[in-house]
Amino acid sequence: MSKYTFIVSNCPLPEIDLTGTVRMKYGEYKKLNIQSTHESILDQLDDMDDEAAILIMESTKMHHLKIALCTNQPYGLEEYIQKEFIYWLEGSSDDLTWKEQLYAYLKEQQNNMNGLEIWSIWFGDGQQDIEKMTIKLSELQRSDLEALKGVRNNYSIQFE
């Protein structure tokens, strides 16, 4: 089973990536002459192709908020979500910084909230029961985001 979280709307939403992740070719990375910590897997490889794509991540930001268009939806998603614009909602819902980032993002959407919803669904174990909640976006509190902590819950938060 896999749990996925989405943010959806009837209109396009801004995509953001606060993880500090950078994609580059290995050859470009070598030219940066970054001092090795001997913890990097890249330093342990002998013959890495210079054209190989790599991701460089800052460990302190890897669990921060990322919202990206969902182009490869899990099978069965259409049974739950019928909105036109579906985005992956990524990061760690247990991380305080992530919650602050999501709170700020949602508050910025007050003029763009046409059908704005957050969904969290377990896939791979048949049809799931979804706990539905409604929150007025204008009254959203940081504490309201505590619902996102439950790793075993299937939920939908609809914003008015």
Protein backbone atom coordinates (compact mmCIF):
# COMPACT_ATOMS: atom_id res chain seq x y z
CA MET A 1 0.00 0.00 0.00
CA SER A 2 1.09 3.55 -0.67
CA LYS A 3 -0.20 6.82 0.71
CA TYR A 4 -0.37 9.82 -1.61
CA THR A 5 -1.32 13.39 -0.84
CA PHE A 6 -2.69 15.85 -3.38
CA ILE A 7 -3.80 19.45 -3.58
CA VAL A 8 -6.49 19.98 -6.20
CA SER A 9 -8.54 22.79 -7.69
CA ASN A 10 -10.83 23.74 -10.55
CA CYS A 11 -8.20 26.25 -11.69
CA PRO A 12 -4.40 26.14 -12.02
CA LEU A 13 -2.34 26.49 -8.84
CA PRO A 14 1.25 27.71 -8.55
CA GLU A 15 3.86 24.97 -8.40
CA ILE A 16 6.59 25.42 -5.81
CA ASP A 17 9.68 23.55 -4.67
CA LEU A 18 11.18 24.58 -1.34
CA THR A 19 13.33 21.45 -1.02
CA GLY A 20 16.48 23.02 -2.43
CA THR A 21 16.83 20.11 -4.88
CA VAL A 22 18.93 20.78 -7.97
CA ARG A 23 19.05 18.52 -11.05
CA MET A 24 22.25 18.59 -13.10
CA LYS A 25 24.56 16.46 -15.21
CA TYR A 26 27.35 14.67 -13.36
CA GLY A 27 29.92 16.48 -15.52
CA GLU A 28 28.56 19.85 -14.32
CA TYR A 29 28.73 18.64 -10.72
CA LYS A 30 32.41 17.68 -11.07
CA LYS A 31 33.21 21.19 -12.37
CA LEU A 32 31.84 22.68 -9.13
CA ASN A 33 34.79 21.14 -7.23
CA ILE A 34 32.71 20.55 -4.11
CA GLN A 35 34.73 19.26 -1.17
CA SER A 36 33.92 15.64 -0.45
CA THR A 37 32.43 14.61 2.88
CA HIS A 38 33.02 10.94 2.03
CA GLU A 39 29.32 10.42 2.73
CA SER A 40 28.23 11.14 -0.82
CA ILE A 41 27.42 8.16 -3.02
CA LEU A 42 28.86 10.16 -5.93
CA ASP A 43 32.31 10.02 -4.35
CA GLN A 44 32.10 6.23 -4.19
CA LEU A 45 31.45 5.74 -7.91
CA ASP A 46 34.42 5.07 -10.17
CA ASP A 47 33.16 5.55 -13.71
CA MET A 48 30.12 7.81 -13.61
CA ASP A 49 29.03 9.02 -17.05
CA ASP A 50 29.33 12.83 -17.29
CA GLU A 51 25.91 12.92 -19.00
CA ALA A 52 24.14 11.08 -16.17
CA ALA A 53 21.45 13.18 -14.48
CA ILE A 54 21.85 13.54 -10.72
CA LEU A 55 19.88 15.26 -7.97
CA ILE A 56 21.69 17.31 -5.37
CA MET A 57 19.71 17.76 -2.16
CA GLU A 58 20.29 19.86 0.91
CA SER A 59 19.55 17.48 3.77
CA THR A 60 18.02 20.18 5.97
CA LYS A 61 15.42 21.00 3.29
CA MET A 62 14.60 17.60 1.83
CA HIS A 63 11.30 17.35 3.75
CA HIS A 64 10.13 20.87 2.90
CA LEU A 65 7.08 21.66 0.79
CA LYS A 66 6.90 20.73 -2.87
CA ILE A 67 3.78 21.11 -5.02
CA ALA A 68 4.08 19.75 -8.55
CA LEU A 69 1.59 18.93 -11.28
CA CYS A 70 0.49 15.30 -11.07
CA THR A 71 1.20 13.89 -14.52
CA ASN A 72 1.36 10.21 -13.52
CA GLN A 73 -1.68 9.64 -11.34
CA PRO A 74 -2.04 6.45 -9.31
CA TYR A 75 -4.55 3.96 -10.66
CA GLY A 76 -8.01 4.62 -9.24
CA LEU A 77 -7.49 8.29 -8.35
CA GLU A 78 -10.45 9.28 -10.52
CA GLU A 79 -12.72 7.36 -8.10
CA TYR A 80 -11.98 10.04 -5.50
CA ILE A 81 -10.99 13.27 -7.24
CA GLN A 82 -12.87 14.82 -10.14
CA LYS A 83 -11.06 18.17 -10.24
CA GLU A 84 -9.26 19.26 -13.40
CA PHE A 85 -6.03 20.37 -11.73
CA ILE A 86 -4.31 17.77 -9.53
CA TYR A 87 -0.91 18.36 -7.90
CA TRP A 88 1.34 16.19 -5.76
CA LEU A 89 1.61 17.60 -2.25
CA GLU A 90 5.02 16.45 -1.06
CA GLY A 91 7.17 16.84 2.02
CA SER A 92 6.87 15.72 5.61
CA SER A 93 3.61 16.64 7.31
CA ASP A 94 5.38 16.03 10.64
CA ASP A 95 7.92 18.77 9.88
CA LEU A 96 7.12 22.15 11.49
CA THR A 97 8.72 24.08 8.61
CA TRP A 98 6.61 22.13 6.09
CA LYS A 99 3.43 23.03 8.00
CA GLU A 100 4.43 26.70 8.03
CA GLN A 101 5.15 26.59 4.30
CA LEU A 102 1.83 24.90 3.52
CA TYR A 103 -0.04 27.37 5.74
CA ALA A 104 1.56 30.32 3.90
CA TYR A 105 0.84 28.69 0.52
CA LEU A 106 -2.83 28.13 1.36
CA LYS A 107 -3.25 31.67 2.67
CA GLU A 108 -1.83 32.96 -0.65
CA GLN A 109 -4.59 31.05 -2.49
CA GLN A 110 -7.49 32.95 -0.91
CA ASN A 111 -8.24 34.68 -4.22
CA ASN A 112 -7.64 31.48 -6.20
CA MET A 113 -9.63 28.92 -4.20
CA ASN A 114 -12.07 27.65 -6.84
CA GLY A 115 -12.62 24.10 -5.56
CA LEU A 116 -9.40 24.04 -3.51
CA GLU A 117 -9.02 20.73 -1.66
CA ILE A 118 -6.34 18.58 -0.04
CA TRP A 119 -6.64 14.80 -0.33
CA SER A 120 -4.67 12.03 1.36
CA ILE A 121 -5.44 8.49 0.21
CA TRP A 122 -3.97 5.02 0.75
CA PHE A 123 -3.83 3.08 -2.54
CA GLY A 124 -3.41 -0.65 -3.01
CA ASP A 125 -5.99 -2.01 -0.58
CA GLY A 126 -9.26 -1.46 -2.43
CA GLN A 127 -11.76 1.36 -2.07
CA GLN A 128 -10.99 3.59 0.94
CA ASP A 129 -13.38 5.44 3.23
CA ILE A 130 -12.57 9.15 3.17
CA GLU A 131 -13.04 11.43 6.17
CA LYS A 132 -14.26 14.75 4.79
CA MET A 133 -13.63 18.09 6.47
CA THR A 134 -14.56 21.62 5.47
CA ILE A 135 -12.50 24.64 6.54
CA LYS A 136 -13.03 28.29 5.74
CA LEU A 137 -9.74 29.36 4.20
CA SER A 138 -10.13 32.85 5.65
CA GLU A 139 -10.29 31.29 9.14
CA LEU A 140 -7.53 28.69 8.62
CA GLN A 141 -5.27 28.29 11.65
CA ARG A 142 -1.91 26.55 11.75
CA SER A 143 -3.41 24.05 14.19
CA ASP A 144 -5.95 23.02 11.52
CA LEU A 145 -3.08 21.41 9.61
CA GLU A 146 -2.66 18.82 12.36
CA ALA A 147 -5.09 16.62 10.37
CA LEU A 148 -2.24 16.09 7.93
CA LYS A 149 -0.21 14.19 10.53
CA GLY A 150 -2.28 11.03 10.57
CA VAL A 151 -0.41 8.50 8.48
CA ARG A 152 -3.28 6.00 8.59
CA ASN A 153 -6.07 8.44 7.78
CA ASN A 154 -7.74 8.96 4.43
CA TYR A 155 -9.09 12.47 4.30
CA SER A 156 -10.30 15.30 2.13
CA ILE A 157 -10.12 18.90 3.32
CA GLN A 158 -12.36 21.18 1.30
CA PHE A 159 -11.74 24.91 1.57
CA GLU A 160 -14.55 27.44 1.34
